[in-house]
Amino acid sequence: MNVSHTTIYSTIRALPKGELKKDLLSCLRHENKKRK
């Protein structure tokens, strides 16, 4: 699945702030570490 980083981060910013946002950001950071 090809999705631009801009789309992902703009979607996250649109979500309510709190634990959900933190969880999503930590998951994204984790995935980036896996790829490298």
PDB file of N, CA and C in Angstrom:
ATOM      1  N   MET A   1       0.837  -1.179   0.000  1.00  0.00           N
ATOM      2  CA  MET A   1       0.000   0.000   0.000  1.00  0.00           C
ATOM      3  C   MET A   1       0.881   1.241   0.000  1.00  0.00           C
ATOM      4  N   ASN A   2       0.678   2.111  -0.948  1.00  0.00           N
ATOM      5  CA  ASN A   2       1.481   3.328  -1.051  1.00  0.00           C
ATOM      6  C   ASN A   2       0.683   4.535  -0.590  1.00  0.00           C
ATOM      7  N   VAL A   3       1.147   5.122   0.511  1.00  0.00           N
ATOM      8  CA  VAL A   3       0.524   6.326   1.051  1.00  0.00           C
ATOM      9  C   VAL A   3       1.638   7.300   1.382  1.00  0.00           C
ATOM     10  N   SER A   4       1.457   8.548   1.017  1.00  0.00           N
ATOM     11  CA  SER A   4       2.504   9.533   1.287  1.00  0.00           C
ATOM     12  C   SER A   4       2.579   9.843   2.778  1.00  0.00           C
ATOM     13  N   HIS A   5       3.775  10.218   3.221  1.00  0.00           N
ATOM     14  CA  HIS A   5       3.977  10.564   4.627  1.00  0.00           C
ATOM     15  C   HIS A   5       3.125  11.763   5.015  1.00  0.00           C
ATOM     16  N   THR A   6       2.936  12.678   4.083  1.00  0.00           N
ATOM     17  CA  THR A   6       2.128  13.869   4.349  1.00  0.00           C
ATOM     18  C   THR A   6       0.698  13.477   4.698  1.00  0.00           C
ATOM     19  N   THR A   7       0.149  12.530   3.968  1.00  0.00           N
ATOM     20  CA  THR A   7      -1.213  12.076   4.227  1.00  0.00           C
ATOM     21  C   THR A   7      -1.321  11.458   5.610  1.00  0.00           C
ATOM     22  N   ILE A   8      -0.354  10.628   5.954  1.00  0.00           N
ATOM     23  CA  ILE A   8      -0.362   9.959   7.255  1.00  0.00           C
ATOM     24  C   ILE A   8      -0.315  10.977   8.386  1.00  0.00           C
ATOM     25  N   TYR A   9       0.638  11.892   8.320  1.00  0.00           N
ATOM     26  CA  TYR A   9       0.801  12.836   9.416  1.00  0.00           C
ATOM     27  C   TYR A   9      -0.337  13.845   9.495  1.00  0.00           C
ATOM     28  N   SER A  10      -0.908  14.245   8.362  1.00  0.00           N
ATOM     29  CA  SER A  10      -2.044  15.167   8.413  1.00  0.00           C
ATOM     30  C   SER A  10      -3.264  14.477   9.019  1.00  0.00           C
ATOM     31  N   THR A  11      -3.409  13.184   8.770  1.00  0.00           N
ATOM     32  CA  THR A  11      -4.506  12.419   9.366  1.00  0.00           C
ATOM     33  C   THR A  11      -4.323  12.316  10.872  1.00  0.00           C
ATOM     34  N   ILE A  12      -3.103  12.062  11.304  1.00  0.00           N
ATOM     35  CA  ILE A  12      -2.823  11.958  12.738  1.00  0.00           C
ATOM     36  C   ILE A  12      -3.096  13.286  13.437  1.00  0.00           C
ATOM     37  N   ARG A  13      -2.707  14.394  12.807  1.00  0.00           N
ATOM     38  CA  ARG A  13      -2.941  15.714  13.406  1.00  0.00           C
ATOM     39  C   ARG A  13      -4.427  16.010  13.523  1.00  0.00           C
ATOM     40  N   ALA A  14      -5.232  15.446  12.621  1.00  0.00           N
ATOM     41  CA  ALA A  14      -6.674  15.686  12.644  1.00  0.00           C
ATOM     42  C   ALA A  14      -7.365  14.899  13.760  1.00  0.00           C
ATOM     43  N   LEU A  15      -6.713  13.858  14.252  1.00  0.00           N
ATOM     44  CA  LEU A  15      -7.296  13.044  15.316  1.00  0.00           C
ATOM     45  C   LEU A  15      -7.240  13.784  16.648  1.00  0.00           C
ATOM     46  N   PRO A  16      -8.085  13.390  17.593  1.00  0.00           N
ATOM     47  CA  PRO A  16      -8.038  14.006  18.922  1.00  0.00           C
ATOM     48  C   PRO A  16      -6.686  13.773  19.581  1.00  0.00           C
ATOM     49  N   LYS A  17      -6.235  14.758  20.325  1.00  0.00           N
ATOM     50  CA  LYS A  17      -4.956  14.627  21.015  1.00  0.00           C
ATOM     51  C   LYS A  17      -5.117  13.675  22.193  1.00  0.00           C
ATOM     52  N   GLY A  18      -4.022  13.024  22.559  1.00  0.00           N
ATOM     53  CA  GLY A  18      -4.066  12.133  23.711  1.00  0.00           C
ATOM     54  C   GLY A  18      -3.327  10.842  23.449  1.00  0.00           C
ATOM     55  N   GLU A  19      -3.761   9.803  24.139  1.00  0.00           N
ATOM     56  CA  GLU A  19      -3.080   8.512  24.081  1.00  0.00           C
ATOM     57  C   GLU A  19      -3.116   7.907  22.684  1.00  0.00           C
ATOM     58  N   LEU A  20      -4.226   8.057  21.977  1.00  0.00           N
ATOM     59  CA  LEU A  20      -4.337   7.481  20.634  1.00  0.00           C
ATOM     60  C   LEU A  20      -3.273   8.050  19.716  1.00  0.00           C
ATOM     61  N   LYS A  21      -3.090   9.360  19.763  1.00  0.00           N
ATOM     62  CA  LYS A  21      -2.085  10.016  18.927  1.00  0.00           C
ATOM     63  C   LYS A  21      -0.690   9.527  19.289  1.00  0.00           C
ATOM     64  N   LYS A  22      -0.412   9.420  20.584  1.00  0.00           N
ATOM     65  CA  LYS A  22       0.901   8.948  21.038  1.00  0.00           C
ATOM     66  C   LYS A  22       1.155   7.525  20.558  1.00  0.00           C
ATOM     67  N   ASP A  23       0.129   6.664  20.657  1.00  0.00           N
ATOM     68  CA  ASP A  23       0.267   5.278  20.220  1.00  0.00           C
ATOM     69  C   ASP A  23       0.549   5.194  18.725  1.00  0.00           C
ATOM     70  N   LEU A  24      -0.178   5.973  17.931  1.00  0.00           N
ATOM     71  CA  LEU A  24       0.025   5.947  16.484  1.00  0.00           C
ATOM     72  C   LEU A  24       1.421   6.430  16.109  1.00  0.00           C
ATOM     73  N   LEU A  25       1.861   7.512  16.738  1.00  0.00           N
ATOM     74  CA  LEU A  25       3.188   8.039  16.434  1.00  0.00           C
ATOM     75  C   LEU A  25       4.276   7.056  16.837  1.00  0.00           C
ATOM     76  N   SER A  26       4.113   6.399  17.975  1.00  0.00           N
ATOM     77  CA  SER A  26       5.122   5.433  18.407  1.00  0.00           C
ATOM     78  C   SER A  26       5.152   4.233  17.466  1.00  0.00           C
ATOM     79  N   CYS A  27       3.997   3.823  16.965  1.00  0.00           N
ATOM     80  CA  CYS A  27       3.945   2.714  16.009  1.00  0.00           C
ATOM     81  C   CYS A  27       4.646   3.091  14.708  1.00  0.00           C
ATOM     82  N   LEU A  28       4.418   4.308  14.238  1.00  0.00           N
ATOM     83  CA  LEU A  28       5.067   4.757  13.008  1.00  0.00           C
ATOM     84  C   LEU A  28       6.578   4.809  13.188  1.00  0.00           C
ATOM     85  N   ARG A  29       7.029   5.319  14.318  1.00  0.00           N
ATOM     86  CA  ARG A  29       8.467   5.383  14.572  1.00  0.00           C
ATOM     87  C   ARG A  29       9.047   3.982  14.634  1.00  0.00           C
ATOM     88  N   HIS A  30       8.307   3.052  15.224  1.00  0.00           N
ATOM     89  CA  HIS A  30       8.762   1.666  15.336  1.00  0.00           C
ATOM     90  C   HIS A  30       8.901   1.041  13.951  1.00  0.00           C
ATOM     91  N   GLU A  31       7.933   1.271  13.087  1.00  0.00           N
ATOM     92  CA  GLU A  31       7.978   0.733  11.725  1.00  0.00           C
ATOM     93  C   GLU A  31       9.170   1.285  10.958  1.00  0.00           C
ATOM     94  N   ASN A  32       9.471   2.562  11.133  1.00  0.00           N
ATOM     95  CA  ASN A  32      10.609   3.147  10.439  1.00  0.00           C
ATOM     96  C   ASN A  32      11.914   2.497  10.876  1.00  0.00           C
ATOM     97  N   LYS A  33      12.039   2.170  12.142  1.00  0.00           N
ATOM     98  CA  LYS A  33      13.249   1.517  12.641  1.00  0.00           C
ATOM     99  C   LYS A  33      13.390   0.121  12.045  1.00  0.00           C
ATOM    100  N   LYS A  34      12.265  -0.580  11.874  1.00  0.00           N
ATOM    101  CA  LYS A  34      12.296  -1.924  11.304  1.00  0.00           C
ATOM    102  C   LYS A  34      12.845  -1.921   9.879  1.00  0.00           C
ATOM    103  N   ARG A  35      12.433  -0.917   9.076  1.00  0.00           N
ATOM    104  CA  ARG A  35      12.822  -0.870   7.669  1.00  0.00           C
ATOM    105  C   ARG A  35      14.311  -0.651   7.482  1.00  0.00           C
ATOM    106  N   LYS A  36      14.930   0.094   8.390  1.00  0.00           N
ATOM    107  CA  LYS A  36      16.343   0.430   8.219  1.00  0.00           C
ATOM    108  C   LYS A  36      17.228  -0.680   8.631  1.00  0.00           C
TER     109      LYS A  36
END
